[in-house]
Amino acid sequence: MVIVQNMITKANQSKSGSFLVALVFTALGEKDQAFEWLEGAYREHDTFLPWLNVDPEFDSLHSDTRFQDLVRRIGIPDR
């Protein structure tokens, strides 16, 4: 978890990198944490967000209403 903590520190300091932190939490099965960081990526207008719906790393989140809401707010089409 030291690596994750370092990523979080850097993301907080630079106000970017939230998408990648969300990716790590998704891989760890920490959905609530992943959504918190995805919301941060949304606020930061992260350049990776348009790929959210097709990135297979986030497949485990697709059935969650929070994911569907985020995709709608980003304005990317459903798969």
PDB file of N, CA and C in Angstrom:
ATOM      1  N   MET A   1       0.807  -1.199   0.000  1.00  0.00           N
ATOM      2  CA  MET A   1       0.000   0.000   0.000  1.00  0.00           C
ATOM      3  C   MET A   1       0.854   1.268   0.000  1.00  0.00           C
ATOM      4  N   VAL A   2       2.152   1.140   0.184  1.00  0.00           N
ATOM      5  CA  VAL A   2       3.026   2.306   0.159  1.00  0.00           C
ATOM      6  C   VAL A   2       2.985   2.951  -1.218  1.00  0.00           C
ATOM      7  N   ILE A   3       2.958   2.151  -2.260  1.00  0.00           N
ATOM      8  CA  ILE A   3       2.906   2.690  -3.614  1.00  0.00           C
ATOM      9  C   ILE A   3       1.617   3.477  -3.817  1.00  0.00           C
ATOM     10  N   VAL A   4       0.505   2.928  -3.354  1.00  0.00           N
ATOM     11  CA  VAL A   4      -0.776   3.621  -3.484  1.00  0.00           C
ATOM     12  C   VAL A   4      -0.738   4.938  -2.715  1.00  0.00           C
ATOM     13  N   GLN A   5      -0.192   4.925  -1.520  1.00  0.00           N
ATOM     14  CA  GLN A   5      -0.104   6.154  -0.731  1.00  0.00           C
ATOM     15  C   GLN A   5       0.750   7.197  -1.442  1.00  0.00           C
ATOM     16  N   ASN A   6       1.838   6.765  -2.065  1.00  0.00           N
ATOM     17  CA  ASN A   6       2.671   7.698  -2.823  1.00  0.00           C
ATOM     18  C   ASN A   6       1.900   8.284  -4.006  1.00  0.00           C
ATOM     19  N   MET A   7       1.121   7.455  -4.680  1.00  0.00           N
ATOM     20  CA  MET A   7       0.306   7.935  -5.797  1.00  0.00           C
ATOM     21  C   MET A   7      -0.714   8.967  -5.314  1.00  0.00           C
ATOM     22  N   ILE A   8      -1.337   8.678  -4.181  1.00  0.00           N
ATOM     23  CA  ILE A   8      -2.335   9.594  -3.618  1.00  0.00           C
ATOM     24  C   ILE A   8      -1.682  10.927  -3.258  1.00  0.00           C
ATOM     25  N   THR A   9      -0.526  10.877  -2.624  1.00  0.00           N
ATOM     26  CA  THR A   9       0.181  12.104  -2.253  1.00  0.00           C
ATOM     27  C   THR A   9       0.503  12.936  -3.487  1.00  0.00           C
ATOM     28  N   LYS A  10       1.030  12.290  -4.514  1.00  0.00           N
ATOM     29  CA  LYS A  10       1.373  13.013  -5.742  1.00  0.00           C
ATOM     30  C   LYS A  10       0.132  13.562  -6.432  1.00  0.00           C
ATOM     31  N   ALA A  11      -0.937  12.780  -6.449  1.00  0.00           N
ATOM     32  CA  ALA A  11      -2.183  13.248  -7.077  1.00  0.00           C
ATOM     33  C   ALA A  11      -2.742  14.452  -6.334  1.00  0.00           C
ATOM     34  N   ASN A  12      -2.684  14.426  -5.020  1.00  0.00           N
ATOM     35  CA  ASN A  12      -3.184  15.558  -4.226  1.00  0.00           C
ATOM     36  C   ASN A  12      -2.323  16.802  -4.403  1.00  0.00           C
ATOM     37  N   GLN A  13      -1.036  16.618  -4.535  1.00  0.00           N
ATOM     38  CA  GLN A  13      -0.134  17.756  -4.692  1.00  0.00           C
ATOM     39  C   GLN A  13      -0.266  18.392  -6.070  1.00  0.00           C
ATOM     40  N   SER A  14      -0.475  17.581  -7.090  1.00  0.00           N
ATOM     41  CA  SER A  14      -0.483  18.108  -8.451  1.00  0.00           C
ATOM     42  C   SER A  14      -1.882  18.380  -8.980  1.00  0.00           C
ATOM     43  N   LYS A  15      -2.886  17.950  -8.254  1.00  0.00           N
ATOM     44  CA  LYS A  15      -4.275  18.073  -8.702  1.00  0.00           C
ATOM     45  C   LYS A  15      -4.490  17.374 -10.043  1.00  0.00           C
ATOM     46  N   SER A  16      -3.747  16.307 -10.265  1.00  0.00           N
ATOM     47  CA  SER A  16      -3.953  15.439 -11.417  1.00  0.00           C
ATOM     48  C   SER A  16      -3.545  14.037 -10.994  1.00  0.00           C
ATOM     49  N   GLY A  17      -3.863  13.084 -11.801  1.00  0.00           N
ATOM     50  CA  GLY A  17      -3.509  11.710 -11.469  1.00  0.00           C
ATOM     51  C   GLY A  17      -4.620  10.948 -10.773  1.00  0.00           C
ATOM     52  N   SER A  18      -5.759  11.593 -10.567  1.00  0.00           N
ATOM     53  CA  SER A  18      -6.869  10.921  -9.878  1.00  0.00           C
ATOM     54  C   SER A  18      -7.366   9.705 -10.639  1.00  0.00           C
ATOM     55  N   PHE A  19      -7.359   9.789 -11.963  1.00  0.00           N
ATOM     56  CA  PHE A  19      -7.808   8.667 -12.780  1.00  0.00           C
ATOM     57  C   PHE A  19      -6.959   7.427 -12.511  1.00  0.00           C
ATOM     58  N   LEU A  20      -5.651   7.611 -12.445  1.00  0.00           N
ATOM     59  CA  LEU A  20      -4.759   6.476 -12.216  1.00  0.00           C
ATOM     60  C   LEU A  20      -4.908   5.908 -10.813  1.00  0.00           C
ATOM     61  N   VAL A  21      -5.146   6.770  -9.834  1.00  0.00           N
ATOM     62  CA  VAL A  21      -5.403   6.284  -8.476  1.00  0.00           C
ATOM     63  C   VAL A  21      -6.700   5.485  -8.467  1.00  0.00           C
ATOM     64  N   ALA A  22      -7.718   5.963  -9.188  1.00  0.00           N
ATOM     65  CA  ALA A  22      -8.982   5.228  -9.288  1.00  0.00           C
ATOM     66  C   ALA A  22      -8.763   3.867  -9.922  1.00  0.00           C
ATOM     67  N   LEU A  23      -7.900   3.808 -10.904  1.00  0.00           N
ATOM     68  CA  LEU A  23      -7.583   2.544 -11.563  1.00  0.00           C
ATOM     69  C   LEU A  23      -7.001   1.541 -10.575  1.00  0.00           C
ATOM     70  N   VAL A  24      -6.104   2.009  -9.724  1.00  0.00           N
ATOM     71  CA  VAL A  24      -5.491   1.136  -8.715  1.00  0.00           C
ATOM     72  C   VAL A  24      -6.546   0.630  -7.732  1.00  0.00           C
ATOM     73  N   PHE A  25      -7.400   1.526  -7.243  1.00  0.00           N
ATOM     74  CA  PHE A  25      -8.425   1.104  -6.293  1.00  0.00           C
ATOM     75  C   PHE A  25      -9.421   0.144  -6.945  1.00  0.00           C
ATOM     76  N   THR A  26      -9.695   0.332  -8.222  1.00  0.00           N
ATOM     77  CA  THR A  26     -10.571  -0.606  -8.930  1.00  0.00           C
ATOM     78  C   THR A  26      -9.926  -1.984  -8.977  1.00  0.00           C
ATOM     79  N   ALA A  27      -8.652  -2.035  -9.301  1.00  0.00           N
ATOM     80  CA  ALA A  27      -7.927  -3.309  -9.356  1.00  0.00           C
ATOM     81  C   ALA A  27      -7.890  -3.993  -7.993  1.00  0.00           C
ATOM     82  N   LEU A  28      -7.869  -3.197  -6.930  1.00  0.00           N
ATOM     83  CA  LEU A  28      -7.858  -3.753  -5.573  1.00  0.00           C
ATOM     84  C   LEU A  28      -9.257  -4.142  -5.087  1.00  0.00           C
ATOM     85  N   GLY A  29     -10.275  -3.849  -5.899  1.00  0.00           N
ATOM     86  CA  GLY A  29     -11.646  -4.174  -5.507  1.00  0.00           C
ATOM     87  C   GLY A  29     -12.259  -3.178  -4.545  1.00  0.00           C
ATOM     88  N   GLU A  30     -11.652  -2.023  -4.412  1.00  0.00           N
ATOM     89  CA  GLU A  30     -12.124  -0.970  -3.502  1.00  0.00           C
ATOM     90  C   GLU A  30     -13.000   0.009  -4.291  1.00  0.00           C
ATOM     91  N   LYS A  31     -14.226  -0.395  -4.559  1.00  0.00           N
ATOM     92  CA  LYS A  31     -15.105   0.383  -5.436  1.00  0.00           C
ATOM     93  C   LYS A  31     -15.411   1.778  -4.899  1.00  0.00           C
ATOM     94  N   ASP A  32     -15.705   1.889  -3.624  1.00  0.00           N
ATOM     95  CA  ASP A  32     -16.030   3.209  -3.074  1.00  0.00           C
ATOM     96  C   ASP A  32     -14.863   4.176  -3.236  1.00  0.00           C
ATOM     97  N   GLN A  33     -13.664   3.700  -2.945  1.00  0.00           N
ATOM     98  CA  GLN A  33     -12.477   4.536  -3.118  1.00  0.00           C
ATOM     99  C   GLN A  33     -12.269   4.882  -4.594  1.00  0.00           C
ATOM    100  N   ALA A  34     -12.491   3.897  -5.462  1.00  0.00           N
ATOM    101  CA  ALA A  34     -12.339   4.137  -6.900  1.00  0.00           C
ATOM    102  C   ALA A  34     -13.278   5.246  -7.362  1.00  0.00           C
ATOM    103  N   PHE A  35     -14.522   5.204  -6.899  1.00  0.00           N
ATOM    104  CA  PHE A  35     -15.477   6.236  -7.309  1.00  0.00           C
ATOM    105  C   PHE A  35     -15.122   7.608  -6.742  1.00  0.00           C
ATOM    106  N   GLU A  36     -14.589   7.655  -5.546  1.00  0.00           N
ATOM    107  CA  GLU A  36     -14.140   8.943  -5.001  1.00  0.00           C
ATOM    108  C   GLU A  36     -13.072   9.555  -5.901  1.00  0.00           C
ATOM    109  N   TRP A  37     -12.133   8.738  -6.350  1.00  0.00           N
ATOM    110  CA  TRP A  37     -11.055   9.237  -7.197  1.00  0.00           C
ATOM    111  C   TRP A  37     -11.543   9.521  -8.616  1.00  0.00           C
ATOM    112  N   LEU A  38     -12.505   8.760  -9.108  1.00  0.00           N
ATOM    113  CA  LEU A  38     -13.073   9.070 -10.420  1.00  0.00           C
ATOM    114  C   LEU A  38     -13.806  10.406 -10.389  1.00  0.00           C
ATOM    115  N   GLU A  39     -14.464  10.691  -9.287  1.00  0.00           N
ATOM    116  CA  GLU A  39     -15.122  11.994  -9.142  1.00  0.00           C
ATOM    117  C   GLU A  39     -14.072  13.111  -9.144  1.00  0.00           C
ATOM    118  N   GLY A  40     -12.942  12.853  -8.512  1.00  0.00           N
ATOM    119  CA  GLY A  40     -11.852  13.822  -8.550  1.00  0.00           C
ATOM    120  C   GLY A  40     -11.340  14.025  -9.969  1.00  0.00           C
ATOM    121  N   ALA A  41     -11.218  12.936 -10.701  1.00  0.00           N
ATOM    122  CA  ALA A  41     -10.784  13.026 -12.103  1.00  0.00           C
ATOM    123  C   ALA A  41     -11.790  13.829 -12.915  1.00  0.00           C
ATOM    124  N   TYR A  42     -13.055  13.663 -12.611  1.00  0.00           N
ATOM    125  CA  TYR A  42     -14.101  14.427 -13.299  1.00  0.00           C
ATOM    126  C   TYR A  42     -13.958  15.921 -13.001  1.00  0.00           C
ATOM    127  N   ARG A  43     -13.743  16.249 -11.747  1.00  0.00           N
ATOM    128  CA  ARG A  43     -13.567  17.658 -11.369  1.00  0.00           C
ATOM    129  C   ARG A  43     -12.316  18.258 -12.016  1.00  0.00           C
ATOM    130  N   GLU A  44     -11.291  17.422 -12.199  1.00  0.00           N
ATOM    131  CA  GLU A  44     -10.031  17.877 -12.790  1.00  0.00           C
ATOM    132  C   GLU A  44     -10.062  17.887 -14.317  1.00  0.00           C
ATOM    133  N   HIS A  45     -11.150  17.400 -14.894  1.00  0.00           N
ATOM    134  CA  HIS A  45     -11.249  17.268 -16.358  1.00  0.00           C
ATOM    135  C   HIS A  45     -10.109  16.415 -16.896  1.00  0.00           C
ATOM    136  N   ASP A  46      -9.868  15.297 -16.235  1.00  0.00           N
ATOM    137  CA  ASP A  46      -8.775  14.402 -16.603  1.00  0.00           C
ATOM    138  C   ASP A  46      -8.913  13.953 -18.060  1.00  0.00           C
ATOM    139  N   THR A  47      -7.810  13.978 -18.779  1.00  0.00           N
ATOM    140  CA  THR A  47      -7.840  13.637 -20.201  1.00  0.00           C
ATOM    141  C   THR A  47      -8.099  12.158 -20.474  1.00  0.00           C
ATOM    142  N   PHE A  48      -7.968  11.308 -19.473  1.00  0.00           N
ATOM    143  CA  PHE A  48      -8.239   9.886 -19.654  1.00  0.00           C
ATOM    144  C   PHE A  48      -9.727   9.552 -19.563  1.00  0.00           C
ATOM    145  N   LEU A  49     -10.527  10.420 -18.994  1.00  0.00           N
ATOM    146  CA  LEU A  49     -11.946  10.116 -18.752  1.00  0.00           C
ATOM    147  C   LEU A  49     -12.741   9.712 -19.989  1.00  0.00           C
ATOM    148  N   PRO A  50     -12.503  10.278 -21.159  1.00  0.00           N
ATOM    149  CA  PRO A  50     -13.285   9.840 -22.317  1.00  0.00           C
ATOM    150  C   PRO A  50     -13.143   8.350 -22.643  1.00  0.00           C
ATOM    151  N   TRP A  51     -12.106   7.729 -22.138  1.00  0.00           N
ATOM    152  CA  TRP A  51     -11.866   6.303 -22.388  1.00  0.00           C
ATOM    153  C   TRP A  51     -12.434   5.413 -21.284  1.00  0.00           C
ATOM    154  N   LEU A  52     -13.025   6.009 -20.287  1.00  0.00           N
ATOM    155  CA  LEU A  52     -13.504   5.271 -19.110  1.00  0.00           C
ATOM    156  C   LEU A  52     -14.424   4.114 -19.482  1.00  0.00           C
ATOM    157  N   ASN A  53     -15.334   4.345 -20.393  1.00  0.00           N
ATOM    158  CA  ASN A  53     -16.353   3.344 -20.716  1.00  0.00           C
ATOM    159  C   ASN A  53     -15.807   2.168 -21.525  1.00  0.00           C
ATOM    160  N   VAL A  54     -14.650   2.310 -22.146  1.00  0.00           N
ATOM    161  CA  VAL A  54     -14.087   1.218 -22.947  1.00  0.00           C
ATOM    162  C   VAL A  54     -12.816   0.627 -22.334  1.00  0.00           C
ATOM    163  N   ASP A  55     -12.332   1.207 -21.265  1.00  0.00           N
ATOM    164  CA  ASP A  55     -11.143   0.687 -20.592  1.00  0.00           C
ATOM    165  C   ASP A  55     -11.531  -0.573 -19.817  1.00  0.00           C
ATOM    166  N   PRO A  56     -10.994  -1.733 -20.209  1.00  0.00           N
ATOM    167  CA  PRO A  56     -11.392  -2.987 -19.549  1.00  0.00           C
ATOM    168  C   PRO A  56     -11.049  -3.045 -18.066  1.00  0.00           C
ATOM    169  N   GLU A  57     -10.136  -2.203 -17.617  1.00  0.00           N
ATOM    170  CA  GLU A  57      -9.774  -2.187 -16.202  1.00  0.00           C
ATOM    171  C   GLU A  57     -10.946  -1.755 -15.320  1.00  0.00           C
ATOM    172  N   PHE A  58     -11.908  -1.046 -15.910  1.00  0.00           N
ATOM    173  CA  PHE A  58     -13.052  -0.552 -15.147  1.00  0.00           C
ATOM    174  C   PHE A  58     -14.318  -1.379 -15.370  1.00  0.00           C
ATOM    175  N   ASP A  59     -14.203  -2.520 -16.036  1.00  0.00           N
ATOM    176  CA  ASP A  59     -15.374  -3.357 -16.312  1.00  0.00           C
ATOM    177  C   ASP A  59     -16.144  -3.730 -15.048  1.00  0.00           C
ATOM    178  N   SER A  60     -15.451  -3.923 -13.952  1.00  0.00           N
ATOM    179  CA  SER A  60     -16.129  -4.335 -12.714  1.00  0.00           C
ATOM    180  C   SER A  60     -17.018  -3.229 -12.139  1.00  0.00           C
ATOM    181  N   LEU A  61     -16.890  -2.016 -12.641  1.00  0.00           N
ATOM    182  CA  LEU A  61     -17.692  -0.898 -12.134  1.00  0.00           C
ATOM    183  C   LEU A  61     -18.928  -0.624 -12.990  1.00  0.00           C
ATOM    184  N   HIS A  62     -19.007  -1.206 -14.158  1.00  0.00           N
ATOM    185  CA  HIS A  62     -20.056  -0.863 -15.122  1.00  0.00           C
ATOM    186  C   HIS A  62     -21.473  -1.048 -14.586  1.00  0.00           C
ATOM    187  N   SER A  63     -21.705  -2.017 -13.754  1.00  0.00           N
ATOM    188  CA  SER A  63     -23.067  -2.276 -13.268  1.00  0.00           C
ATOM    189  C   SER A  63     -23.482  -1.328 -12.139  1.00  0.00           C
ATOM    190  N   ASP A  64     -22.560  -0.569 -11.630  1.00  0.00           N
ATOM    191  CA  ASP A  64     -22.838   0.360 -10.526  1.00  0.00           C
ATOM    192  C   ASP A  64     -23.496   1.631 -11.069  1.00  0.00           C
ATOM    193  N   THR A  65     -24.546   2.077 -10.424  1.00  0.00           N
ATOM    194  CA  THR A  65     -25.243   3.284 -10.893  1.00  0.00           C
ATOM    195  C   THR A  65     -24.347   4.517 -10.864  1.00  0.00           C
ATOM    196  N   ARG A  66     -23.361   4.529  -9.974  1.00  0.00           N
ATOM    197  CA  ARG A  66     -22.432   5.662  -9.929  1.00  0.00           C
ATOM    198  C   ARG A  66     -21.609   5.747 -11.216  1.00  0.00           C
ATOM    199  N   PHE A  67     -21.260   4.585 -11.751  1.00  0.00           N
ATOM    200  CA  PHE A  67     -20.509   4.549 -13.007  1.00  0.00           C
ATOM    201  C   PHE A  67     -21.370   5.079 -14.143  1.00  0.00           C
ATOM    202  N   GLN A  68     -22.585   4.584 -14.210  1.00  0.00           N
ATOM    203  CA  GLN A  68     -23.504   5.018 -15.266  1.00  0.00           C
ATOM    204  C   GLN A  68     -23.749   6.523 -15.190  1.00  0.00           C
ATOM    205  N   ASP A  69     -23.891   7.049 -13.992  1.00  0.00           N
ATOM    206  CA  ASP A  69     -24.087   8.481 -13.815  1.00  0.00           C
ATOM    207  C   ASP A  69     -22.859   9.268 -14.273  1.00  0.00           C
ATOM    208  N   LEU A  70     -21.683   8.789 -13.924  1.00  0.00           N
ATOM    209  CA  LEU A  70     -20.451   9.466 -14.313  1.00  0.00           C
ATOM    210  C   LEU A  70     -20.290   9.468 -15.835  1.00  0.00           C
ATOM    211  N   VAL A  71     -20.541   8.342 -16.469  1.00  0.00           N
ATOM    212  CA  VAL A  71     -20.451   8.255 -17.929  1.00  0.00           C
ATOM    213  C   VAL A  71     -21.420   9.247 -18.571  1.00  0.00           C
ATOM    214  N   ARG A  72     -22.612   9.352 -18.022  1.00  0.00           N
ATOM    215  CA  ARG A  72     -23.616  10.295 -18.546  1.00  0.00           C
ATOM    216  C   ARG A  72     -23.110  11.731 -18.414  1.00  0.00           C
ATOM    217  N   ARG A  73     -22.549  12.063 -17.231  1.00  0.00           N
ATOM    218  CA  ARG A  73     -22.068  13.430 -17.006  1.00  0.00           C
ATOM    219  C   ARG A  73     -20.871  13.770 -17.875  1.00  0.00           C
ATOM    220  N   ILE A  74     -20.020  12.787 -18.136  1.00  0.00           N
ATOM    221  CA  ILE A  74     -18.878  13.015 -19.015  1.00  0.00           C
ATOM    222  C   ILE A  74     -19.357  13.231 -20.436  1.00  0.00           C
ATOM    223  N   GLY A  75     -20.446  12.561 -20.788  1.00  0.00           N
ATOM    224  CA  GLY A  75     -21.006  12.720 -22.130  1.00  0.00           C
ATOM    225  C   GLY A  75     -20.445  11.736 -23.136  1.00  0.00           C
ATOM    226  N   ILE A  76     -19.964  10.592 -22.646  1.00  0.00           N
ATOM    227  CA  ILE A  76     -19.464   9.571 -23.576  1.00  0.00           C
ATOM    228  C   ILE A  76     -20.565   8.546 -23.825  1.00  0.00           C
ATOM    229  N   PRO A  77     -20.610   7.990 -25.027  1.00  0.00           N
ATOM    230  CA  PRO A  77     -21.671   7.043 -25.365  1.00  0.00           C
ATOM    231  C   PRO A  77     -21.531   5.726 -24.617  1.00  0.00           C
ATOM    232  N   ASP A  78     -22.669   5.054 -24.438  1.00  0.00           N
ATOM    233  CA  ASP A  78     -22.647   3.711 -23.851  1.00  0.00           C
ATOM    234  C   ASP A  78     -21.907   2.787 -24.801  1.00  0.00           C
ATOM    235  N   ARG A  79     -21.439   1.698 -24.251  1.00  0.00           N
ATOM    236  CA  ARG A  79     -20.768   0.690 -25.072  1.00  0.00           C
ATOM    237  C   ARG A  79     -21.716   0.090 -26.048  1.00  0.00           C
TER     238      ARG A  79
END
